[in-house]
Structure formats: C-alpha cells, structure tokens
Amino acid sequence: IYLGDRNVTDLPPNKRNIGLVFQSFALFPHMSVRENVAFPLKI
C-alpha cells in the first residue's frame, strides 16, 4: 500500500496522516464538541 510515493504497508496508523470517520462516530461522551475536535491536536 502506497500513499503518494511512501510505502506505508508496515507503518502504524499514527504515521500515515489519515483522517478516519466511523459509522458509530466513536466520540467521547464526557467531552464537549470543541474538546472532541481538539483531541487529535492535543495528543
């Protein structure tokens, strides 16, 4: 699997710069909208 000119076959998800939306949404119920959206930037 190549993303652009990078072979990412063995790379973990956090090294691929991919956004993913699930059917279940997988949101954090204890967080606000802003906190949910900010989460990827905080980590």
Full PDB file with SEQRES, HELIX, SHEET, SSBOND, CRYST1, ORIGX, SCALE, CONECT and MASTER records, all heavy atoms in Angstrom:
SEQRES   1 A   43  ILE TYR LEU GLY ASP ARG ASN VAL THR ASP LEU PRO PRO          
SEQRES   2 A   43  ASN LYS ARG ASN ILE GLY LEU VAL PHE GLN SER PHE ALA          
SEQRES   3 A   43  LEU PHE PRO HIS MET SER VAL ARG GLU ASN VAL ALA PHE          
SEQRES   4 A   43  PRO LEU LYS ILE                                              
HELIX    1 AA1 PRO A   13  LYS A   15  5                                   3    
HELIX    2 AA2 VAL A   33  LYS A   42  1                                  10    
SHEET    1 AA1 2 TYR A   2  LEU A   3  0                                        
SHEET    2 AA1 2 ARG A   6  ASN A   7 -1                                        
CRYST1    1.000    1.000    1.000  90.00  90.00  90.00 P 1           1          
ORIGX1      1.000000  0.000000  0.000000        0.00000                         
ORIGX2      0.000000  1.000000  0.000000        0.00000                         
ORIGX3      0.000000  0.000000  1.000000        0.00000                         
SCALE1      1.000000  0.000000  0.000000        0.00000                         
SCALE2      0.000000  1.000000  0.000000        0.00000                         
SCALE3      0.000000  0.000000  1.000000        0.00000                         
ATOM      1  N   ILE A   1       0.855  -1.178   0.000  1.00  0.00           N  
ATOM      2  CA  ILE A   1       0.000   0.000   0.000  1.00  0.00           C  
ATOM      3  C   ILE A   1       0.895   1.233   0.000  1.00  0.00           C  
ATOM      4  O   ILE A   1       1.758   1.386   0.873  1.00  0.00           O  
ATOM      5  CB  ILE A   1      -0.932   0.022   1.221  1.00  0.00           C  
ATOM      6  CG1 ILE A   1      -1.853  -1.209   1.198  1.00  0.00           C  
ATOM      7  CG2 ILE A   1      -1.755   1.307   1.261  1.00  0.00           C  
ATOM      8  CD1 ILE A   1      -2.673  -1.381   2.457  1.00  0.00           C  
ATOM      9  N   TYR A   2       0.690   2.106  -0.986  1.00  0.00           N  
ATOM     10  CA  TYR A   2       1.458   3.349  -1.092  1.00  0.00           C  
ATOM     11  C   TYR A   2       0.528   4.542  -0.910  1.00  0.00           C  
ATOM     12  O   TYR A   2      -0.562   4.584  -1.486  1.00  0.00           O  
ATOM     13  CB  TYR A   2       2.128   3.456  -2.465  1.00  0.00           C  
ATOM     14  CG  TYR A   2       3.414   2.671  -2.594  1.00  0.00           C  
ATOM     15  CD1 TYR A   2       3.395   1.286  -2.796  1.00  0.00           C  
ATOM     16  CD2 TYR A   2       4.653   3.310  -2.514  1.00  0.00           C  
ATOM     17  CE1 TYR A   2       4.569   0.563  -2.911  1.00  0.00           C  
ATOM     18  CE2 TYR A   2       5.835   2.594  -2.631  1.00  0.00           C  
ATOM     19  CZ  TYR A   2       5.788   1.224  -2.823  1.00  0.00           C  
ATOM     20  OH  TYR A   2       6.958   0.511  -2.931  1.00  0.00           O  
ATOM     21  N   LEU A   3       0.952   5.500  -0.104  1.00  0.00           N  
ATOM     22  CA  LEU A   3       0.304   6.802  -0.010  1.00  0.00           C  
ATOM     23  C   LEU A   3       1.260   7.806  -0.625  1.00  0.00           C  
ATOM     24  O   LEU A   3       2.323   8.086  -0.062  1.00  0.00           O  
ATOM     25  CB  LEU A   3      -0.001   7.165   1.449  1.00  0.00           C  
ATOM     26  CG  LEU A   3      -0.864   6.155   2.240  1.00  0.00           C  
ATOM     27  CD1 LEU A   3      -1.178   6.693   3.617  1.00  0.00           C  
ATOM     28  CD2 LEU A   3      -2.151   5.826   1.484  1.00  0.00           C  
ATOM     29  N   GLY A   4       0.909   8.315  -1.782  1.00  0.00           N  
ATOM     30  CA  GLY A   4       1.872   9.100  -2.541  1.00  0.00           C  
ATOM     31  C   GLY A   4       3.026   8.201  -2.941  1.00  0.00           C  
ATOM     32  O   GLY A   4       2.822   7.100  -3.460  1.00  0.00           O  
ATOM     33  N   ASP A   5       4.261   8.618  -2.665  1.00  0.00           N  
ATOM     34  CA  ASP A   5       5.424   7.794  -3.002  1.00  0.00           C  
ATOM     35  C   ASP A   5       5.953   7.017  -1.800  1.00  0.00           C  
ATOM     36  O   ASP A   5       7.029   6.428  -1.851  1.00  0.00           O  
ATOM     37  CB  ASP A   5       6.542   8.663  -3.596  1.00  0.00           C  
ATOM     38  CG  ASP A   5       6.966   9.793  -2.661  1.00  0.00           C  
ATOM     39  OD1 ASP A   5       6.397   9.896  -1.549  1.00  0.00           O  
ATOM     40  OD2 ASP A   5       7.857  10.569  -3.046  1.00  0.00           O  
ATOM     41  N   ARG A   6       5.183   7.004  -0.683  1.00  0.00           N  
ATOM     42  CA  ARG A   6       5.615   6.294   0.530  1.00  0.00           C  
ATOM     43  C   ARG A   6       4.975   4.918   0.610  1.00  0.00           C  
ATOM     44  O   ARG A   6       3.753   4.774   0.503  1.00  0.00           O  
ATOM     45  CB  ARG A   6       5.218   7.079   1.788  1.00  0.00           C  
ATOM     46  CG  ARG A   6       6.000   8.346   2.042  1.00  0.00           C  
ATOM     47  CD  ARG A   6       5.770   8.804   3.488  1.00  0.00           C  
ATOM     48  NE  ARG A   6       4.345   8.886   3.811  1.00  0.00           N  
ATOM     49  CZ  ARG A   6       3.852   8.731   5.037  1.00  0.00           C  
ATOM     50  NH1 ARG A   6       4.656   8.453   6.053  1.00  0.00           N  
ATOM     51  NH2 ARG A   6       2.556   8.858   5.255  1.00  0.00           N  
ATOM     52  N   ASN A   7       5.779   3.910   0.835  1.00  0.00           N  
ATOM     53  CA  ASN A   7       5.265   2.571   1.116  1.00  0.00           C  
ATOM     54  C   ASN A   7       4.881   2.527   2.593  1.00  0.00           C  
ATOM     55  O   ASN A   7       5.745   2.541   3.475  1.00  0.00           O  
ATOM     56  CB  ASN A   7       6.328   1.518   0.805  1.00  0.00           C  
ATOM     57  CG  ASN A   7       5.803   0.102   0.978  1.00  0.00           C  
ATOM     58  OD1 ASN A   7       4.785  -0.132   1.623  1.00  0.00           O  
ATOM     59  ND2 ASN A   7       6.499  -0.861   0.380  1.00  0.00           N  
ATOM     60  N   VAL A   8       3.560   2.478   2.871  1.00  0.00           N  
ATOM     61  CA  VAL A   8       3.086   2.546   4.256  1.00  0.00           C  
ATOM     62  C   VAL A   8       2.571   1.192   4.746  1.00  0.00           C  
ATOM     63  O   VAL A   8       1.938   1.117   5.799  1.00  0.00           O  
ATOM     64  CB  VAL A   8       1.977   3.607   4.400  1.00  0.00           C  
ATOM     65  CG1 VAL A   8       2.478   4.978   3.997  1.00  0.00           C  
ATOM     66  CG2 VAL A   8       0.729   3.225   3.596  1.00  0.00           C  
ATOM     67  N   THR A   9       2.832   0.138   3.992  1.00  0.00           N  
ATOM     68  CA  THR A   9       2.276  -1.184   4.314  1.00  0.00           C  
ATOM     69  C   THR A   9       2.534  -1.573   5.760  1.00  0.00           C  
ATOM     70  O   THR A   9       1.657  -2.144   6.426  1.00  0.00           O  
ATOM     71  CB  THR A   9       2.873  -2.251   3.375  1.00  0.00           C  
ATOM     72  OG1 THR A   9       2.767  -1.802   2.015  1.00  0.00           O  
ATOM     73  CG2 THR A   9       2.147  -3.570   3.542  1.00  0.00           C  
ATOM     74  N   ASP A  10       3.713  -1.280   6.267  1.00  0.00           N  
ATOM     75  CA  ASP A  10       4.082  -1.699   7.624  1.00  0.00           C  
ATOM     76  C   ASP A  10       4.051  -0.556   8.640  1.00  0.00           C  
ATOM     77  O   ASP A  10       4.452  -0.746   9.795  1.00  0.00           O  
ATOM     78  CB  ASP A  10       5.479  -2.334   7.606  1.00  0.00           C  
ATOM     79  CG  ASP A  10       5.532  -3.586   6.731  1.00  0.00           C  
ATOM     80  OD1 ASP A  10       4.590  -4.384   6.792  1.00  0.00           O  
ATOM     81  OD2 ASP A  10       6.511  -3.733   5.976  1.00  0.00           O  
ATOM     82  N   LEU A  11       3.576   0.607   8.232  1.00  0.00           N  
ATOM     83  CA  LEU A  11       3.527   1.736   9.149  1.00  0.00           C  
ATOM     84  C   LEU A  11       2.281   1.669  10.038  1.00  0.00           C  
ATOM     85  O   LEU A  11       1.208   1.286   9.570  1.00  0.00           O  
ATOM     86  CB  LEU A  11       3.522   3.060   8.382  1.00  0.00           C  
ATOM     87  CG  LEU A  11       4.816   3.517   7.719  1.00  0.00           C  
ATOM     88  CD1 LEU A  11       4.600   4.880   7.060  1.00  0.00           C  
ATOM     89  CD2 LEU A  11       5.950   3.582   8.720  1.00  0.00           C  
ATOM     90  N   PRO A  12       2.390   2.073  11.302  1.00  0.00           N  
ATOM     91  CA  PRO A  12       1.211   2.127  12.185  1.00  0.00           C  
ATOM     92  C   PRO A  12       0.285   3.268  11.764  1.00  0.00           C  
ATOM     93  O   PRO A  12       0.705   4.182  11.035  1.00  0.00           O  
ATOM     94  CB  PRO A  12       1.811   2.378  13.564  1.00  0.00           C  
ATOM     95  CG  PRO A  12       3.108   3.065  13.297  1.00  0.00           C  
ATOM     96  CD  PRO A  12       3.622   2.489  12.019  1.00  0.00           C  
ATOM     97  N   PRO A  13      -0.970   3.262  12.221  1.00  0.00           N  
ATOM     98  CA  PRO A  13      -1.937   4.288  11.810  1.00  0.00           C  
ATOM     99  C   PRO A  13      -1.474   5.713  12.078  1.00  0.00           C  
ATOM    100  O   PRO A  13      -1.705   6.607  11.255  1.00  0.00           O  
ATOM    101  CB  PRO A  13      -3.185   3.946  12.643  1.00  0.00           C  
ATOM    102  CG  PRO A  13      -3.058   2.487  12.936  1.00  0.00           C  
ATOM    103  CD  PRO A  13      -1.599   2.231  13.078  1.00  0.00           C  
ATOM    104  N   ASN A  14      -0.808   5.950  13.214  1.00  0.00           N  
ATOM    105  CA  ASN A  14      -0.429   7.324  13.575  1.00  0.00           C  
ATOM    106  C   ASN A  14       0.710   7.879  12.720  1.00  0.00           C  
ATOM    107  O   ASN A  14       1.064   9.047  12.847  1.00  0.00           O  
ATOM    108  CB  ASN A  14      -0.049   7.392  15.056  1.00  0.00           C  
ATOM    109  CG  ASN A  14       1.159   6.551  15.399  1.00  0.00           C  
ATOM    110  OD1 ASN A  14       1.299   5.424  14.923  1.00  0.00           O  
ATOM    111  ND2 ASN A  14       2.053   7.079  16.225  1.00  0.00           N  
ATOM    112  N   LYS A  15       1.286   7.059  11.850  1.00  0.00           N  
ATOM    113  CA  LYS A  15       2.358   7.521  10.968  1.00  0.00           C  
ATOM    114  C   LYS A  15       1.866   7.759   9.532  1.00  0.00           C  
ATOM    115  O   LYS A  15       2.660   8.036   8.639  1.00  0.00           O  
ATOM    116  CB  LYS A  15       3.487   6.492  10.934  1.00  0.00           C  
ATOM    117  CG  LYS A  15       4.146   6.226  12.292  1.00  0.00           C  
ATOM    118  CD  LYS A  15       4.864   7.443  12.825  1.00  0.00           C  
ATOM    119  CE  LYS A  15       5.611   7.110  14.121  1.00  0.00           C  
ATOM    120  NZ  LYS A  15       6.276   8.311  14.693  1.00  0.00           N  
ATOM    121  N   ARG A  16       0.561   7.666   9.324  1.00  0.00           N  
ATOM    122  CA  ARG A  16       0.046   7.733   7.954  1.00  0.00           C  
ATOM    123  C   ARG A  16      -0.646   9.057   7.621  1.00  0.00           C  
ATOM    124  O   ARG A  16      -1.018   9.281   6.471  1.00  0.00           O  
ATOM    125  CB  ARG A  16      -0.924   6.564   7.704  1.00  0.00           C  
ATOM    126  CG  ARG A  16      -0.266   5.206   7.892  1.00  0.00           C  
ATOM    127  CD  ARG A  16      -1.123   4.073   7.372  1.00  0.00           C  
ATOM    128  NE  ARG A  16      -0.498   2.772   7.625  1.00  0.00           N  
ATOM    129  CZ  ARG A  16      -0.817   1.647   7.012  1.00  0.00           C  
ATOM    130  NH1 ARG A  16      -1.782   1.647   6.108  1.00  0.00           N  
ATOM    131  NH2 ARG A  16      -0.200   0.521   7.304  1.00  0.00           N  
ATOM    132  N   ASN A  17      -0.922   9.897   8.591  1.00  0.00           N  
ATOM    133  CA  ASN A  17      -1.611  11.180   8.373  1.00  0.00           C  
ATOM    134  C   ASN A  17      -2.943  10.984   7.661  1.00  0.00           C  
ATOM    135  O   ASN A  17      -3.231  11.610   6.641  1.00  0.00           O  
ATOM    136  CB  ASN A  17      -0.723  12.148   7.588  1.00  0.00           C  
ATOM    137  CG  ASN A  17      -1.252  13.579   7.644  1.00  0.00           C  
ATOM    138  OD1 ASN A  17      -1.816  13.998   8.662  1.00  0.00           O  
ATOM    139  ND2 ASN A  17      -1.090  14.316   6.566  1.00  0.00           N  
ATOM    140  N   ILE A  18      -3.762  10.111   8.234  1.00  0.00           N  
ATOM    141  CA  ILE A  18      -5.065   9.780   7.661  1.00  0.00           C  
ATOM    142  C   ILE A  18      -6.166  10.148   8.643  1.00  0.00           C  
ATOM    143  O   ILE A  18      -6.073   9.856   9.839  1.00  0.00           O  
ATOM    144  CB  ILE A  18      -5.141   8.276   7.313  1.00  0.00           C  
ATOM    145  CG1 ILE A  18      -4.269   7.966   6.096  1.00  0.00           C  
ATOM    146  CG2 ILE A  18      -6.577   7.838   7.059  1.00  0.00           C  
ATOM    147  CD1 ILE A  18      -4.202   6.495   5.751  1.00  0.00           C  
ATOM    148  N   GLY A  19      -7.222  10.789   8.149  1.00  0.00           N  
ATOM    149  CA  GLY A  19      -8.419  11.049   8.945  1.00  0.00           C  
ATOM    150  C   GLY A  19      -9.431   9.944   8.712  1.00  0.00           C  
ATOM    151  O   GLY A  19      -9.625   9.506   7.577  1.00  0.00           O  
ATOM    152  N   LEU A  20     -10.073   9.462   9.790  1.00  0.00           N  
ATOM    153  CA  LEU A  20     -10.993   8.331   9.685  1.00  0.00           C  
ATOM    154  C   LEU A  20     -12.281   8.637  10.431  1.00  0.00           C  
ATOM    155  O   LEU A  20     -12.263   9.051  11.589  1.00  0.00           O  
ATOM    156  CB  LEU A  20     -10.340   7.064  10.261  1.00  0.00           C  
ATOM    157  CG  LEU A  20     -11.151   5.779  10.281  1.00  0.00           C  
ATOM    158  CD1 LEU A  20     -11.585   5.378   8.869  1.00  0.00           C  
ATOM    159  CD2 LEU A  20     -10.346   4.642  10.911  1.00  0.00           C  
ATOM    160  N   VAL A  21     -13.416   8.432   9.747  1.00  0.00           N  
ATOM    161  CA  VAL A  21     -14.735   8.606  10.355  1.00  0.00           C  
ATOM    162  C   VAL A  21     -15.448   7.261  10.341  1.00  0.00           C  
ATOM    163  O   VAL A  21     -15.627   6.659   9.277  1.00  0.00           O  
ATOM    164  CB  VAL A  21     -15.575   9.652   9.598  1.00  0.00           C  
ATOM    165  CG1 VAL A  21     -16.972   9.768  10.222  1.00  0.00           C  
ATOM    166  CG2 VAL A  21     -14.883  11.006   9.623  1.00  0.00           C  
ATOM    167  N   PHE A  22     -15.849   6.788  11.537  1.00  0.00           N  
ATOM    168  CA  PHE A  22     -16.528   5.510  11.670  1.00  0.00           C  
ATOM    169  C   PHE A  22     -18.046   5.698  11.601  1.00  0.00           C  
ATOM    170  O   PHE A  22     -18.572   6.789  11.851  1.00  0.00           O  
ATOM    171  CB  PHE A  22     -16.186   4.847  13.012  1.00  0.00           C  
ATOM    172  CG  PHE A  22     -14.730   4.530  13.195  1.00  0.00           C  
ATOM    173  CD1 PHE A  22     -13.896   5.403  13.861  1.00  0.00           C  
ATOM    174  CD2 PHE A  22     -14.191   3.355  12.692  1.00  0.00           C  
ATOM    175  CE1 PHE A  22     -12.557   5.115  14.042  1.00  0.00           C  
ATOM    176  CE2 PHE A  22     -12.853   3.053  12.855  1.00  0.00           C  
ATOM    177  CZ  PHE A  22     -12.038   3.939  13.534  1.00  0.00           C  
ATOM    178  N   GLN A  23     -18.751   4.601  11.322  1.00  0.00           N  
ATOM    179  CA  GLN A  23     -20.212   4.643  11.318  1.00  0.00           C  
ATOM    180  C   GLN A  23     -20.749   4.999  12.704  1.00  0.00           C  
ATOM    181  O   GLN A  23     -21.736   5.724  12.839  1.00  0.00           O  
ATOM    182  CB  GLN A  23     -20.783   3.290  10.876  1.00  0.00           C  
ATOM    183  CG  GLN A  23     -22.302   3.252  10.851  1.00  0.00           C  
ATOM    184  CD  GLN A  23     -22.841   1.904  10.382  1.00  0.00           C  
ATOM    185  OE1 GLN A  23     -22.084   1.016  10.001  1.00  0.00           O  
ATOM    186  NE2 GLN A  23     -24.147   1.760  10.412  1.00  0.00           N  
ATOM    187  N   SER A  24     -20.092   4.514  13.753  1.00  0.00           N  
ATOM    188  CA  SER A  24     -20.548   4.759  15.126  1.00  0.00           C  
ATOM    189  C   SER A  24     -20.120   6.123  15.654  1.00  0.00           C  
ATOM    190  O   SER A  24     -20.473   6.498  16.766  1.00  0.00           O  
ATOM    191  CB  SER A  24     -19.990   3.674  16.050  1.00  0.00           C  
ATOM    192  OG  SER A  24     -18.568   3.741  16.090  1.00  0.00           O  
ATOM    193  N   PHE A  25     -19.334   6.870  14.860  1.00  0.00           N  
ATOM    194  CA  PHE A  25     -18.780   8.186  15.192  1.00  0.00           C  
ATOM    195  C   PHE A  25     -17.662   8.102  16.238  1.00  0.00           C  
ATOM    196  O   PHE A  25     -16.713   8.855  16.188  1.00  0.00           O  
ATOM    197  CB  PHE A  25     -19.854   9.171  15.673  1.00  0.00           C  
ATOM    198  CG  PHE A  25     -21.024   9.323  14.727  1.00  0.00           C  
ATOM    199  CD1 PHE A  25     -22.289   9.556  15.209  1.00  0.00           C  
ATOM    200  CD2 PHE A  25     -20.834   9.233  13.357  1.00  0.00           C  
ATOM    201  CE1 PHE A  25     -23.361   9.700  14.340  1.00  0.00           C  
ATOM    202  CE2 PHE A  25     -21.904   9.378  12.474  1.00  0.00           C  
ATOM    203  CZ  PHE A  25     -23.168   9.611  12.976  1.00  0.00           C  
ATOM    204  N   ALA A  26     -17.770   7.201  17.243  1.00  0.00           N  
ATOM    205  CA  ALA A  26     -16.712   6.979  18.243  1.00  0.00           C  
ATOM    206  C   ALA A  26     -16.284   8.274  18.927  1.00  0.00           C  
ATOM    207  O   ALA A  26     -15.095   8.538  19.106  1.00  0.00           O  
ATOM    208  CB  ALA A  26     -15.509   6.289  17.583  1.00  0.00           C  
ATOM    209  N   LEU A  27     -17.257   9.086  19.341  1.00  0.00           N  
ATOM    210  CA  LEU A  27     -16.974  10.347  20.029  1.00  0.00           C  
ATOM    211  C   LEU A  27     -16.857  10.114  21.530  1.00  0.00           C  
ATOM    212  O   LEU A  27     -17.369   9.125  22.067  1.00  0.00           O  
ATOM    213  CB  LEU A  27     -18.077  11.358  19.734  1.00  0.00           C  
ATOM    214  CG  LEU A  27     -18.281  11.695  18.251  1.00  0.00           C  
ATOM    215  CD1 LEU A  27     -19.516  12.557  18.064  1.00  0.00           C  
ATOM    216  CD2 LEU A  27     -17.052  12.401  17.688  1.00  0.00           C  
ATOM    217  N   PHE A  28     -16.201  11.041  22.225  1.00  0.00           N  
ATOM    218  CA  PHE A  28     -16.051  10.957  23.678  1.00  0.00           C  
ATOM    219  C   PHE A  28     -17.247  11.643  24.350  1.00  0.00           C  
ATOM    220  O   PHE A  28     -17.376  12.873  24.268  1.00  0.00           O  
ATOM    221  CB  PHE A  28     -14.747  11.632  24.124  1.00  0.00           C  
ATOM    222  CG  PHE A  28     -13.517  11.015  23.512  1.00  0.00           C  
ATOM    223  CD1 PHE A  28     -12.729  11.724  22.615  1.00  0.00           C  
ATOM    224  CD2 PHE A  28     -13.150   9.717  23.837  1.00  0.00           C  
ATOM    225  CE1 PHE A  28     -11.597  11.163  22.060  1.00  0.00           C  
ATOM    226  CE2 PHE A  28     -12.008   9.148  23.284  1.00  0.00           C  
ATOM    227  CZ  PHE A  28     -11.234   9.857  22.390  1.00  0.00           C  
ATOM    228  N   PRO A  29     -18.119  10.886  24.992  1.00  0.00           N  
ATOM    229  CA  PRO A  29     -19.359  11.483  25.524  1.00  0.00           C  
ATOM    230  C   PRO A  29     -19.136  12.474  26.660  1.00  0.00           C  
ATOM    231  O   PRO A  29     -19.965  13.353  26.885  1.00  0.00           O  
ATOM    232  CB  PRO A  29     -20.155  10.259  25.996  1.00  0.00           C  
ATOM    233  CG  PRO A  29     -19.131   9.195  26.248  1.00  0.00           C  
ATOM    234  CD  PRO A  29     -18.058   9.432  25.219  1.00  0.00           C  
ATOM    235  N   HIS A  30     -18.009  12.338  27.390  1.00  0.00           N  
ATOM    236  CA  HIS A  30     -17.753  13.230  28.522  1.00  0.00           C  
ATOM    237  C   HIS A  30     -17.126  14.556  28.090  1.00  0.00           C  
ATOM    238  O   HIS A  30     -16.936  15.451  28.917  1.00  0.00           O  
ATOM    239  CB  HIS A  30     -16.827  12.533  29.525  1.00  0.00           C  
ATOM    240  CG  HIS A  30     -15.472  12.219  28.978  1.00  0.00           C  
ATOM    241  ND1 HIS A  30     -15.272  11.203  28.070  1.00  0.00           N  
ATOM    242  CD2 HIS A  30     -14.256  12.798  29.191  1.00  0.00           C  
ATOM    243  CE1 HIS A  30     -13.985  11.157  27.757  1.00  0.00           C  
ATOM    244  NE2 HIS A  30     -13.345  12.112  28.430  1.00  0.00           N  
ATOM    245  N   MET A  31     -16.795  14.672  26.801  1.00  0.00           N  
ATOM    246  CA  MET A  31     -16.175  15.891  26.296  1.00  0.00           C  
ATOM    247  C   MET A  31     -17.189  16.737  25.542  1.00  0.00           C  
ATOM    248  O   MET A  31     -18.182  16.231  25.008  1.00  0.00           O  
ATOM    249  CB  MET A  31     -15.017  15.560  25.347  1.00  0.00           C  
ATOM    250  CG  MET A  31     -13.818  14.904  25.989  1.00  0.00           C  
ATOM    251  SD  MET A  31     -12.519  14.687  24.730  1.00  0.00           S  
ATOM    252  CE  MET A  31     -11.251  13.862  25.692  1.00  0.00           C  
ATOM    253  N   SER A  32     -16.905  18.030  25.439  1.00  0.00           N  
ATOM    254  CA  SER A  32     -17.716  18.927  24.622  1.00  0.00           C  
ATOM    255  C   SER A  32     -17.353  18.744  23.152  1.00  0.00           C  
ATOM    256  O   SER A  32     -16.398  18.034  22.804  1.00  0.00           O  
ATOM    257  CB  SER A  32     -17.467  20.381  25.034  1.00  0.00           C  
ATOM    258  OG  SER A  32     -16.138  20.756  24.689  1.00  0.00           O  
ATOM    259  N   VAL A  33     -18.124  19.399  22.298  1.00  0.00           N  
ATOM    260  CA  VAL A  33     -17.828  19.371  20.868  1.00  0.00           C  
ATOM    261  C   VAL A  33     -16.407  19.870  20.608  1.00  0.00           C  
ATOM    262  O   VAL A  33     -15.615  19.232  19.915  1.00  0.00           O  
ATOM    263  CB  VAL A  33     -18.843  20.238  20.098  1.00  0.00           C  
ATOM    264  CG1 VAL A  33     -18.407  20.439  18.646  1.00  0.00           C  
ATOM    265  CG2 VAL A  33     -20.232  19.615  20.149  1.00  0.00           C  
ATOM    266  N   ARG A  34     -16.067  21.010  21.178  1.00  0.00           N  
ATOM    267  CA  ARG A  34     -14.738  21.591  20.982  1.00  0.00           C  
ATOM    268  C   ARG A  34     -13.644  20.648  21.469  1.00  0.00           C  
ATOM    269  O   ARG A  34     -12.610  20.481  20.804  1.00  0.00           O  
ATOM    270  CB  ARG A  34     -14.639  22.938  21.707  1.00  0.00           C  
ATOM    271  CG  ARG A  34     -13.258  23.588  21.620  1.00  0.00           C  
ATOM    272  CD  ARG A  34     -13.251  24.961  22.253  1.00  0.00           C  
ATOM    273  NE  ARG A  34     -14.087  25.876  21.483  1.00  0.00           N  
ATOM    274  CZ  ARG A  34     -13.673  26.517  20.385  1.00  0.00           C  
ATOM    275  NH1 ARG A  34     -12.426  26.336  19.946  1.00  0.00           N  
ATOM    276  NH2 ARG A  34     -14.469  27.328  19.751  1.00  0.00           N  
ATOM    277  N   GLU A  35     -13.842  20.029  22.618  1.00  0.00           N  
ATOM    278  CA  GLU A  35     -12.827  19.129  23.178  1.00  0.00           C  
ATOM    279  C   GLU A  35     -12.655  17.889  22.314  1.00  0.00           C  
ATOM    280  O   GLU A  35     -11.532  17.398  22.137  1.00  0.00           O  
ATOM    281  CB  GLU A  35     -13.209  18.747  24.605  1.00  0.00           C  
ATOM    282  CG  GLU A  35     -13.078  19.897  25.601  1.00  0.00           C  
ATOM    283  CD  GLU A  35     -13.729  19.595  26.934  1.00  0.00           C  
ATOM    284  OE1 GLU A  35     -14.635  18.717  26.982  1.00  0.00           O  
ATOM    285  OE2 GLU A  35     -13.349  20.233  27.933  1.00  0.00           O  
ATOM    286  N   ASN A  36     -13.753  17.367  21.769  1.00  0.00           N  
ATOM    287  CA  ASN A  36     -13.660  16.223  20.862  1.00  0.00           C  
ATOM    288  C   ASN A  36     -12.847  16.572  19.622  1.00  0.00           C  
ATOM    289  O   ASN A  36     -11.976  15.800  19.199  1.00  0.00           O  
ATOM    290  CB  ASN A  36     -15.058  15.761  20.445  1.00  0.00           C  
ATOM    291  CG  ASN A  36     -15.599  14.645  21.309  1.00  0.00           C  
ATOM    292  OD1 ASN A  36     -15.293  13.474  21.104  1.00  0.00           O  
ATOM    293  ND2 ASN A  36     -16.401  15.012  22.295  1.00  0.00           N  
ATOM    294  N   VAL A  37     -13.141  17.726  19.050  1.00  0.00           N  
ATOM    295  CA  VAL A  37     -12.463  18.131  17.817  1.00  0.00           C  
ATOM    296  C   VAL A  37     -10.986  18.443  18.079  1.00  0.00           C  
ATOM    297  O   VAL A  37     -10.118  18.144  17.259  1.00  0.00           O  
ATOM    298  CB  VAL A  37     -13.179  19.343  17.189  1.00  0.00           C  
ATOM    299  CG1 VAL A  37     -12.419  19.846  15.960  1.00  0.00           C  
ATOM    300  CG2 VAL A  37     -14.610  18.969  16.798  1.00  0.00           C  
ATOM    301  N   ALA A  38     -10.705  19.003  19.242  1.00  0.00           N  
ATOM    302  CA  ALA A  38      -9.322  19.374  19.570  1.00  0.00           C  
ATOM    303  C   ALA A  38      -8.462  18.173  19.944  1.00  0.00           C  
ATOM    304  O   ALA A  38      -7.219  18.275  19.923  1.00  0.00           O  
ATOM    305  CB  ALA A  38      -9.319  20.374  20.722  1.00  0.00           C  
ATOM    306  N   PHE A  39      -9.074  17.039  20.255  1.00  0.00           N  
ATOM    307  CA  PHE A  39      -8.343  15.887  20.782  1.00  0.00           C  
ATOM    308  C   PHE A  39      -7.167  15.448  19.900  1.00  0.00           C  
ATOM    309  O   PHE A  39      -6.057  15.221  20.411  1.00  0.00           O  
ATOM    310  CB  PHE A  39      -9.311  14.719  21.018  1.00  0.00           C  
ATOM    311  CG  PHE A  39      -8.657  13.526  21.633  1.00  0.00           C  
ATOM    312  CD1 PHE A  39      -8.364  13.498  22.991  1.00  0.00           C  
ATOM    313  CD2 PHE A  39      -8.318  12.420  20.866  1.00  0.00           C  
ATOM    314  CE1 PHE A  39      -7.751  12.392  23.566  1.00  0.00           C  
ATOM    315  CE2 PHE A  39      -7.699  11.317  21.428  1.00  0.00           C  
ATOM    316  CZ  PHE A  39      -7.417  11.300  22.792  1.00  0.00           C  
ATOM    317  N   PRO A  40      -7.337  15.303  18.572  1.00  0.00           N  
ATOM    318  CA  PRO A  40      -6.194  14.876  17.745  1.00  0.00           C  
ATOM    319  C   PRO A  40      -5.014  15.838  17.816  1.00  0.00           C  
ATOM    320  O   PRO A  40      -3.860  15.420  17.677  1.00  0.00           O  
ATOM    321  CB  PRO A  40      -6.777  14.826  16.326  1.00  0.00           C  
ATOM    322  CG  PRO A  40      -8.243  14.681  16.526  1.00  0.00           C  
ATOM    323  CD  PRO A  40      -8.552  15.460  17.761  1.00  0.00           C  
ATOM    324  N   LEU A  41      -5.285  17.132  18.025  1.00  0.00           N  
ATOM    325  CA  LEU A  41      -4.200  18.116  18.110  1.00  0.00           C  
ATOM    326  C   LEU A  41      -3.510  18.063  19.466  1.00  0.00           C  
ATOM    327  O   LEU A  41      -2.303  18.260  19.570  1.00  0.00           O  
ATOM    328  CB  LEU A  41      -4.755  19.519  17.854  1.00  0.00           C  
ATOM    329  CG  LEU A  41      -5.484  19.708  16.512  1.00  0.00           C  
ATOM    330  CD1 LEU A  41      -5.975  21.138  16.373  1.00  0.00           C  
ATOM    331  CD2 LEU A  41      -4.584  19.330  15.342  1.00  0.00           C  
ATOM    332  N   LYS A  42      -4.291  17.784  20.509  1.00  0.00           N  
ATOM    333  CA  LYS A  42      -3.704  17.703  21.858  1.00  0.00           C  
ATOM    334  C   LYS A  42      -2.764  16.507  21.984  1.00  0.00           C  
ATOM    335  O   LYS A  42      -1.706  16.593  22.600  1.00  0.00           O  
ATOM    336  CB  LYS A  42      -4.817  17.633  22.902  1.00  0.00           C  
ATOM    337  CG  LYS A  42      -5.569  18.953  23.090  1.00  0.00           C  
ATOM    338  CD  LYS A  42      -6.571  18.860  24.210  1.00  0.00           C  
ATOM    339  CE  LYS A  42      -7.298  20.195  24.413  1.00  0.00           C  
ATOM    340  NZ  LYS A  42      -6.387  21.265  24.882  1.00  0.00           N  
ATOM    341  N   ILE A  43      -3.167  15.364  21.402  1.00  0.00           N  
ATOM    342  CA  ILE A  43      -2.288  14.194  21.504  1.00  0.00           C  
ATOM    343  C   ILE A  43      -1.038  14.375  20.649  1.00  0.00           C  
ATOM    344  O   ILE A  43      -0.046  13.671  20.831  1.00  0.00           O  
ATOM    345  CB  ILE A  43      -3.017  12.876  21.132  1.00  0.00           C  
ATOM    346  CG1 ILE A  43      -3.487  12.891  19.680  1.00  0.00           C  
ATOM    347  CG2 ILE A  43      -4.177  12.624  22.083  1.00  0.00           C  
ATOM    348  CD1 ILE A  43      -4.063  11.557  19.232  1.00  0.00           C  
TER     349      ILE A  43                                                      
MASTER        0    0    0    2    2    0    0    6  348    1    0    4          
END                                                                             
